[in-house]
């Protein structure tokens, strides 16, 4: 915990260092560190950290009222992040925004507090995590599952961390890039999203490139298709079929999904002190997974009668 707090403090200094030149901010930070550092150090679970973080956010809202407007605006903008500093929760470390969406899609309208408490139980953490995995598991299994090869499961694992169907969508971005000749980020997001997981009201680079790749498709039609990018149904849209067919004719067949060279994000560095790329991490897991004789019965083992 001590090393995690040290890394978090270093990151804060890097991002907000200029604000610490304001004497009132430096004084307030010193007071908060004295008040809360030992409490954070004593935390043993993420749930305990969240309780402390929410207290910090509540007090900051009051204590910054008299500070300069720039400081006040910056703090207020980040209060929600402070209160929800643990963004991946429960035993399966699922992003909370995704967890909320998964439960709503399942017809369970829990409040944020109810869902948070549920995810911190063993049953709840596994239940919500498995519910998030299921759509990707089903679709990738339909395309890739073969006896004796479990490597395809890492498409599911990648999507769990980066967003539903990001592996499939990265392959779509490659098709769009090839067809349009445009340089676009291969990040698994066809649209741009805000911190609450909602599309932002401006065209993404991928959408602009796709309109160039498929000039016969209207923007509205393409946008409607891209809003399904986090669902299994995207592959049944006319837009996806047209992109896949156009790419097939010009460049040949492509795989359904791809493991990209994405960095395991900021949280990994704060929590573990390291960052690493998806491909190198999953290759290690892949070797381990495929070395396990899942479907083999040892020769010297006889089933009970």
Protein backbone atom coordinates (compact mmCIF):
# COMPACT_ATOMS: atom_id res chain seq x y z
CA UNK A 1 0.00 0.00 0.00
CA UNK A 2 2.84 2.38 0.81
CA UNK A 3 4.43 1.97 -2.63
CA UNK A 4 1.04 2.44 -4.30
CA UNK A 5 0.46 5.68 -2.40
CA UNK A 6 3.92 6.88 -3.35
CA UNK A 7 3.25 6.22 -7.05
CA UNK A 8 -0.13 7.94 -6.83
CA UNK A 9 1.47 10.99 -5.19
CA UNK A 10 4.12 11.17 -7.91
CA UNK A 11 1.45 11.03 -10.60
CA UNK A 12 -0.52 13.78 -8.86
CA UNK A 13 2.58 15.98 -8.72
CA UNK A 14 3.22 15.43 -12.43
CA UNK A 15 -0.35 16.27 -13.43
CA UNK A 16 -1.16 19.08 -11.00
CA UNK A 17 2.30 20.31 -10.00
CA UNK A 18 1.68 23.84 -11.16
CA UNK A 19 -1.22 24.20 -8.71
CA UNK A 20 1.09 23.40 -5.79
CA UNK A 21 2.82 26.74 -6.42
CA UNK A 22 -0.31 28.38 -4.98
CA UNK A 23 0.45 28.63 -1.22
CA UNK A 24 -3.14 27.89 -0.19
CA UNK A 25 -3.14 24.69 -2.27
CA UNK A 26 0.18 23.49 -0.86
CA UNK A 27 -1.08 24.15 2.67
CA UNK A 28 -4.36 22.32 2.03
CA UNK A 29 -2.56 19.35 0.49
CA UNK A 30 -0.25 19.13 3.49
CA UNK A 31 -3.23 19.15 5.86
CA UNK A 32 -5.04 16.44 3.92
CA UNK A 33 -1.95 14.27 3.72
CA UNK A 34 -1.48 14.50 7.47
CA UNK A 35 -5.16 13.70 8.04
CA UNK A 36 -5.66 10.87 5.56
CA UNK A 37 -2.31 9.27 4.70
CA UNK A 38 -2.27 6.99 7.75
CA UNK A 39 -5.91 6.02 7.11
CA UNK A 40 -5.10 5.04 3.52
CA UNK A 41 -2.00 3.19 4.66
CA UNK A 42 -4.15 1.12 7.00
CA UNK A 43 -6.55 0.06 4.20
CA UNK A 44 -6.45 -3.60 3.26
CA UNK A 45 -9.26 -3.74 0.68
CA UNK A 46 -10.39 -1.55 -2.20
CA UNK A 47 -13.72 -1.10 -0.44
CA UNK A 48 -11.92 0.50 2.51
CA UNK A 49 -10.01 2.79 0.14
CA UNK A 50 -13.28 3.96 -1.40
CA UNK A 51 -14.74 4.89 1.98
CA UNK A 52 -11.71 7.10 2.69
CA UNK A 53 -11.76 8.56 -0.85
CA UNK A 54 -15.40 9.58 -0.53
CA UNK A 55 -14.68 11.34 2.75
CA UNK A 56 -11.83 13.20 1.05
CA UNK A 57 -14.11 14.26 -1.83
CA UNK A 58 -16.84 15.48 0.54
CA UNK A 59 -14.41 17.55 2.58
CA UNK A 60 -12.63 18.95 -0.48
CA UNK A 61 -15.92 20.24 -1.83
CA UNK A 62 -16.28 22.38 1.29
CA UNK A 63 -12.64 23.30 1.93
CA UNK A 64 -11.91 24.59 -1.59
CA UNK A 65 -14.85 27.01 -1.61
CA UNK A 66 -12.61 29.92 -0.63
CA UNK A 67 -9.70 29.15 -2.99
CA UNK A 68 -9.03 30.94 -6.31
CA UNK A 69 -11.47 30.11 -9.11
CA UNK A 70 -8.91 28.20 -11.20
CA UNK A 71 -8.12 25.90 -8.29
CA UNK A 72 -11.78 25.51 -7.38
CA UNK A 73 -12.72 24.62 -10.96
CA UNK A 74 -9.92 22.08 -11.25
CA UNK A 75 -10.81 20.41 -7.96
CA UNK A 76 -14.55 20.32 -8.70
CA UNK A 77 -13.86 18.78 -12.09
CA UNK A 78 -11.98 15.94 -10.40
CA UNK A 79 -14.19 15.32 -7.37
CA UNK A 80 -16.04 12.46 -9.06
CA UNK A 81 -12.71 10.83 -9.93
CA UNK A 82 -11.57 11.14 -6.33
CA UNK A 83 -14.79 9.67 -4.96
CA UNK A 84 -14.57 6.81 -7.45
CA UNK A 85 -10.81 6.38 -7.39
CA UNK A 86 -11.19 2.59 -7.54
CA UNK A 87 -12.43 2.30 -11.11
CA UNK A 88 -12.23 -1.49 -11.35
CA UNK A 89 -14.08 -3.23 -8.56
CA UNK A 90 -14.71 -6.64 -7.10
CA UNK A 91 -12.93 -9.97 -7.38
CA UNK A 92 -12.87 -9.78 -11.19
CA UNK A 93 -11.74 -6.13 -11.30
CA UNK A 94 -14.48 -4.98 -13.67
CA UNK A 95 -14.72 -1.35 -14.71
CA UNK A 96 -17.61 0.12 -12.73
CA UNK A 97 -19.17 1.98 -15.68
CA UNK A 98 -19.22 -1.33 -17.56
CA UNK A 99 -20.63 -3.14 -14.53
CA UNK A 100 -23.48 -0.65 -14.28
CA UNK A 101 -24.29 -1.13 -17.95
CA UNK A 102 -24.14 -4.93 -17.73
CA UNK A 103 -26.60 -5.02 -14.84
CA UNK A 104 -29.02 -2.64 -16.54
CA UNK A 105 -28.95 -4.76 -19.68
CA UNK A 106 -29.79 -7.74 -17.48
CA UNK A 107 -32.79 -5.85 -16.09
CA UNK A 108 -31.40 -5.20 -12.60
CA UNK A 109 -31.69 -1.54 -11.64
CA UNK A 110 -29.34 -1.26 -8.68
CA UNK A 111 -28.19 2.08 -7.31
CA UNK A 112 -24.46 2.75 -7.51
CA UNK A 113 -24.07 2.07 -3.79
CA UNK A 114 -26.02 -1.20 -4.02
CA UNK A 115 -24.01 -2.35 -7.02
CA UNK A 116 -20.73 -1.40 -5.38
CA UNK A 117 -21.55 -3.36 -2.23
CA UNK A 118 -22.68 -6.33 -4.34
CA UNK A 119 -19.45 -6.33 -6.37
CA UNK A 120 -17.37 -6.42 -3.20
CA UNK A 121 -18.97 -9.71 -2.20
CA UNK A 122 -17.45 -12.88 -3.63
CA UNK A 123 -20.70 -13.89 -5.32
CA UNK A 124 -21.40 -10.42 -6.69
CA UNK A 125 -17.90 -9.84 -8.05
CA UNK A 126 -17.99 -13.11 -9.98
CA UNK A 127 -21.62 -12.70 -11.06
CA UNK A 128 -21.15 -9.25 -12.60
CA UNK A 129 -17.77 -10.17 -14.11
CA UNK A 130 -19.13 -13.29 -15.80
CA UNK A 131 -22.13 -11.32 -17.09
CA UNK A 132 -19.70 -8.89 -18.75
CA UNK A 133 -17.68 -11.75 -20.28
CA UNK A 134 -20.60 -13.71 -21.69
CA UNK A 135 -21.38 -11.75 -24.92
CA UNK A 136 -17.74 -11.81 -26.06
CA UNK A 137 -17.30 -15.43 -25.02
CA UNK A 138 -20.28 -16.52 -27.12
CA UNK A 139 -19.31 -14.57 -30.25
CA UNK A 140 -15.61 -15.47 -30.27
CA UNK A 141 -16.43 -19.10 -29.52
CA UNK A 142 -18.70 -19.16 -32.59
CA UNK A 143 -15.84 -17.94 -34.79
CA UNK A 144 -12.75 -19.50 -33.22
CA UNK A 145 -13.42 -22.37 -30.82
CA UNK A 146 -11.60 -25.55 -31.87
CA UNK A 147 -10.72 -28.67 -29.86
CA UNK A 148 -7.34 -28.45 -28.16
CA UNK A 149 -6.73 -24.73 -28.78
CA UNK A 150 -7.78 -22.22 -26.15
CA UNK A 151 -5.83 -19.22 -27.46
CA UNK A 152 -9.03 -17.56 -28.69
CA UNK A 153 -10.06 -16.96 -25.08
CA UNK A 154 -7.58 -14.10 -24.96
CA UNK A 155 -9.76 -12.08 -27.31
CA UNK A 156 -12.29 -12.29 -24.50
CA UNK A 157 -9.66 -11.32 -21.95
CA UNK A 158 -8.53 -8.33 -23.98
CA UNK A 159 -12.12 -7.15 -24.41
CA UNK A 160 -12.72 -7.46 -20.67
CA UNK A 161 -9.97 -4.89 -20.05
CA UNK A 162 -10.37 -2.55 -23.03
CA UNK A 163 -14.09 -2.69 -23.70
CA UNK A 164 -16.56 -5.12 -25.26
CA UNK A 165 -15.48 -6.41 -28.68
CA UNK A 166 -12.38 -4.23 -28.85
CA UNK A 167 -10.46 -7.10 -30.52
CA UNK A 168 -13.14 -7.43 -33.21
CA UNK A 169 -13.36 -3.65 -33.61
CA UNK A 170 -9.59 -3.28 -33.99
CA UNK A 171 -9.77 -5.64 -36.95
CA UNK A 172 -12.54 -3.47 -38.37
CA UNK A 173 -10.34 -0.40 -37.92
CA UNK A 174 -7.58 -2.17 -39.87
CA UNK A 175 -10.04 -2.78 -42.73
CA UNK A 176 -11.14 0.86 -42.61
CA UNK A 177 -7.52 2.04 -42.56
CA UNK A 178 -6.60 -0.13 -45.55
CA UNK A 179 -9.64 0.90 -47.60
CA UNK A 180 -9.42 4.62 -46.85
CA UNK A 181 -5.65 5.04 -46.73
CA UNK A 182 -6.13 7.14 -43.59
CA UNK A 183 -4.01 6.98 -40.45
CA UNK A 184 -6.36 6.13 -37.59
CA UNK A 185 -5.75 4.87 -34.03
CA UNK A 186 -6.17 1.12 -33.69
CA UNK A 187 -7.69 1.30 -30.22
CA UNK A 188 -10.87 -0.78 -30.56
CA UNK A 189 -13.23 2.23 -30.37
CA UNK A 190 -15.06 3.15 -33.56
CA UNK A 191 -16.56 6.20 -31.84
CA UNK A 192 -15.21 8.53 -29.16
CA UNK A 193 -16.49 8.21 -25.59
CA UNK A 194 -16.52 10.30 -22.44
CA UNK A 195 -15.57 9.06 -18.96
CA UNK A 196 -19.11 7.77 -18.41
CA UNK A 197 -18.88 5.55 -21.48
CA UNK A 198 -21.22 7.70 -23.59
CA UNK A 199 -20.42 8.69 -27.22
CA UNK A 200 -19.25 12.29 -27.58
CA UNK A 201 -21.02 14.51 -30.16
CA UNK A 202 -18.16 14.74 -32.66
CA UNK A 203 -16.99 12.48 -35.45
CA UNK A 204 -14.17 10.12 -34.54
CA UNK A 205 -11.22 9.65 -36.89
CA UNK A 206 -12.46 6.11 -37.52
CA UNK A 207 -15.92 7.36 -38.53
CA UNK A 208 -14.41 9.93 -40.91
CA UNK A 209 -12.14 7.30 -42.47
CA UNK A 210 -15.05 4.85 -42.79
CA UNK A 211 -17.11 7.45 -44.67
CA UNK A 212 -14.19 7.78 -47.07
CA UNK A 213 -13.87 3.99 -47.38
CA UNK A 214 -17.61 3.57 -48.05
CA UNK A 215 -18.75 6.75 -49.82
CA UNK A 216 -22.06 5.10 -50.80
CA UNK A 217 -23.10 4.76 -47.12
CA UNK A 218 -24.65 7.81 -45.45
CA UNK A 219 -23.14 9.22 -42.28
CA UNK A 220 -26.33 8.51 -40.34
CA UNK A 221 -26.36 4.88 -41.43
CA UNK A 222 -22.71 4.46 -40.49
CA UNK A 223 -23.22 6.19 -37.16
CA UNK A 224 -26.18 3.93 -36.33
CA UNK A 225 -24.04 0.88 -37.07
CA UNK A 226 -21.10 2.15 -35.04
CA UNK A 227 -23.32 2.72 -31.99
CA UNK A 228 -23.58 -1.10 -31.89
CA UNK A 229 -19.82 -1.52 -31.66
CA UNK A 230 -19.99 -2.69 -28.02
CA UNK A 231 -22.61 -5.36 -28.85
CA UNK A 232 -22.59 -8.69 -30.70
CA UNK A 233 -25.06 -7.28 -33.25
CA UNK A 234 -22.55 -5.01 -35.00
CA UNK A 235 -21.38 -7.86 -37.24
CA UNK A 236 -24.91 -8.17 -38.66
CA UNK A 237 -25.09 -4.56 -39.85
CA UNK A 238 -24.94 -3.64 -43.55
CA UNK A 239 -22.00 -1.34 -42.79
CA UNK A 240 -19.83 -4.13 -41.37
CA UNK A 241 -20.76 -6.49 -44.19
CA UNK A 242 -19.93 -3.84 -46.81
CA UNK A 243 -16.56 -3.04 -45.20
CA UNK A 244 -15.65 -6.72 -44.90
CA UNK A 245 -16.64 -7.44 -48.52
CA UNK A 246 -14.82 -4.40 -49.93
CA UNK A 247 -11.67 -5.34 -47.99
CA UNK A 248 -11.95 -8.98 -49.08
CA UNK A 249 -12.10 -8.00 -52.73
CA UNK A 250 -9.07 -5.69 -52.54
CA UNK A 251 -6.85 -7.34 -49.91
CA UNK A 252 -8.14 -10.86 -49.33
CA UNK A 253 -9.53 -12.55 -46.23
CA UNK A 254 -8.95 -11.17 -42.75
CA UNK A 255 -9.33 -12.72 -39.31
CA UNK A 256 -12.44 -11.88 -37.31
CA UNK A 257 -10.48 -10.31 -34.44
CA UNK A 258 -6.93 -9.32 -33.57
CA UNK A 259 -4.84 -8.88 -30.42
CA UNK A 260 -3.42 -5.37 -30.62
CA UNK A 261 -0.35 -3.68 -29.21
CA UNK A 262 -2.16 -1.67 -26.57
CA UNK A 263 -0.66 -0.57 -23.27
CA UNK A 264 -2.23 -1.89 -20.12
CA UNK A 265 -3.32 1.46 -18.78
CA UNK A 266 -2.61 3.95 -16.08
CA UNK A 267 -4.16 1.87 -13.32
CA UNK A 268 -1.57 -0.85 -13.84
CA UNK A 269 1.22 1.61 -13.21
CA UNK A 270 -0.34 3.04 -10.06
CA UNK A 271 -1.35 -0.35 -8.67
CA UNK A 272 1.64 -2.42 -9.72
CA UNK A 273 4.37 0.05 -10.64
CA UNK A 274 4.65 -1.23 -14.21
CA UNK A 275 2.94 -0.93 -17.57
CA UNK A 276 3.07 -3.57 -20.28
CA UNK A 277 1.68 -4.21 -23.72
CA UNK A 278 -1.24 -6.54 -24.28
CA UNK A 279 0.46 -8.83 -26.76
CA UNK A 280 3.53 -9.62 -24.65
CA UNK A 281 1.37 -10.21 -21.57
CA UNK A 282 -1.12 -12.45 -23.36
CA UNK A 283 1.60 -14.48 -25.08
CA UNK A 284 2.85 -15.56 -21.67
CA UNK A 285 -0.66 -16.45 -20.55
CA UNK A 286 -1.28 -18.21 -23.86
CA UNK A 287 1.71 -20.52 -23.40
CA UNK A 288 0.54 -21.36 -19.90
CA UNK A 289 -3.10 -21.90 -20.85
CA UNK A 290 -2.32 -24.20 -23.77
CA UNK A 291 0.14 -26.23 -21.71
CA UNK A 292 -2.63 -27.38 -19.37
CA UNK A 293 -4.18 -30.74 -20.41
CA UNK A 294 -7.75 -29.56 -19.91
CA UNK A 295 -9.38 -32.41 -21.79
CA UNK A 296 -6.96 -35.23 -21.08
CA UNK A 297 -7.37 -37.87 -18.40
CA UNK A 298 -4.04 -39.14 -16.99
CA UNK A 299 -3.23 -42.64 -18.16
CA UNK A 300 -2.85 -43.94 -14.61
CA UNK A 301 -6.18 -42.51 -13.46
CA UNK A 302 -9.35 -44.59 -13.50
CA UNK A 303 -12.79 -43.08 -13.12
CA UNK A 304 -14.70 -44.17 -9.99
CA UNK A 305 -17.43 -46.77 -10.47
